[in-house]
Amino acid sequence: MVLELSPQQIDLLHACLAESIEGLHDEVLHTDVRDLRSELRERLERLQALQRQVEARMQQEQPSL
């Protein structure tokens, strides 16, 4: 699926991902249950991959100087 997002929507998505990643990272660090920590770490990795894709898109959208 391909989404068409405006630059403002991309910025908002990037900010939301950063906030979610930060919160999830804290949960991974403070979770004592091994299975749950592993699941949280997988989710964190997926969010980080998505954030890298958004950042690449942001770079494409910026005009060259």
Protein backbone atom coordinates (compact mmCIF):
# COMPACT_ATOMS: atom_id res chain seq x y z
CA MET A 1 0.00 0.00 0.00
CA VAL A 2 1.27 3.45 -0.87
CA LEU A 3 0.15 6.54 1.00
CA GLU A 4 0.38 10.04 -0.37
CA LEU A 5 1.22 12.38 2.48
CA SER A 6 1.77 16.11 2.55
CA PRO A 7 5.04 17.43 4.00
CA GLN A 8 3.15 18.47 7.14
CA GLN A 9 1.72 14.98 7.54
CA ILE A 10 5.18 13.47 7.10
CA ASP A 11 6.58 15.79 9.77
CA LEU A 12 3.75 14.82 12.13
CA LEU A 13 4.27 11.12 11.42
CA HIS A 14 7.99 11.50 12.11
CA ALA A 15 7.31 13.24 15.43
CA CYS A 16 4.74 10.61 16.46
CA LEU A 17 7.12 7.79 15.58
CA ALA A 18 9.93 9.40 17.58
CA GLU A 19 7.66 9.73 20.61
CA SER A 20 6.40 6.15 20.28
CA ILE A 21 9.93 4.81 19.86
CA GLU A 22 11.10 6.65 22.97
CA GLY A 23 8.23 5.28 25.06
CA LEU A 24 8.61 1.76 23.74
CA HIS A 25 12.36 1.86 24.33
CA ASP A 26 11.69 2.74 27.98
CA GLU A 27 9.24 -0.17 28.25
CA VAL A 28 11.81 -2.57 26.81
CA LEU A 29 14.38 -1.41 29.36
CA HIS A 30 12.02 -1.68 32.34
CA THR A 31 10.23 -4.93 31.47
CA ASP A 32 11.34 -7.93 33.49
CA VAL A 33 9.35 -10.57 31.61
CA ARG A 34 11.67 -12.03 28.98
CA ASP A 35 8.98 -12.99 26.44
CA LEU A 36 7.29 -9.61 26.72
CA ARG A 37 10.61 -7.80 26.40
CA SER A 38 11.37 -9.76 23.23
CA GLU A 39 7.98 -8.87 21.75
CA LEU A 40 8.43 -5.20 22.67
CA ARG A 41 11.90 -5.20 21.13
CA GLU A 42 10.46 -6.57 17.86
CA ARG A 43 7.84 -3.81 17.82
CA LEU A 44 10.54 -1.25 18.54
CA GLU A 45 12.60 -2.51 15.60
CA ARG A 46 9.58 -2.26 13.28
CA LEU A 47 8.90 1.31 14.42
CA GLN A 48 12.55 2.24 13.91
CA ALA A 49 12.48 0.78 10.39
CA LEU A 50 9.36 2.79 9.61
CA GLN A 51 11.00 5.91 11.01
CA ARG A 52 14.02 5.38 8.71
CA GLN A 53 11.65 5.15 5.74
CA VAL A 54 9.93 8.38 6.79
CA GLU A 55 13.29 10.11 7.21
CA ALA A 56 14.34 8.98 3.73
CA ARG A 57 11.10 10.40 2.36
CA MET A 58 11.74 13.66 4.21
CA GLN A 59 15.16 13.88 2.57
CA GLN A 60 13.60 13.35 -0.86
CA GLU A 61 11.07 16.12 -0.23
CA GLN A 62 13.68 18.72 0.73
CA PRO A 63 14.73 20.99 -2.14
CA SER A 64 18.39 20.81 -3.10
CA LEU A 65 20.47 23.79 -2.11
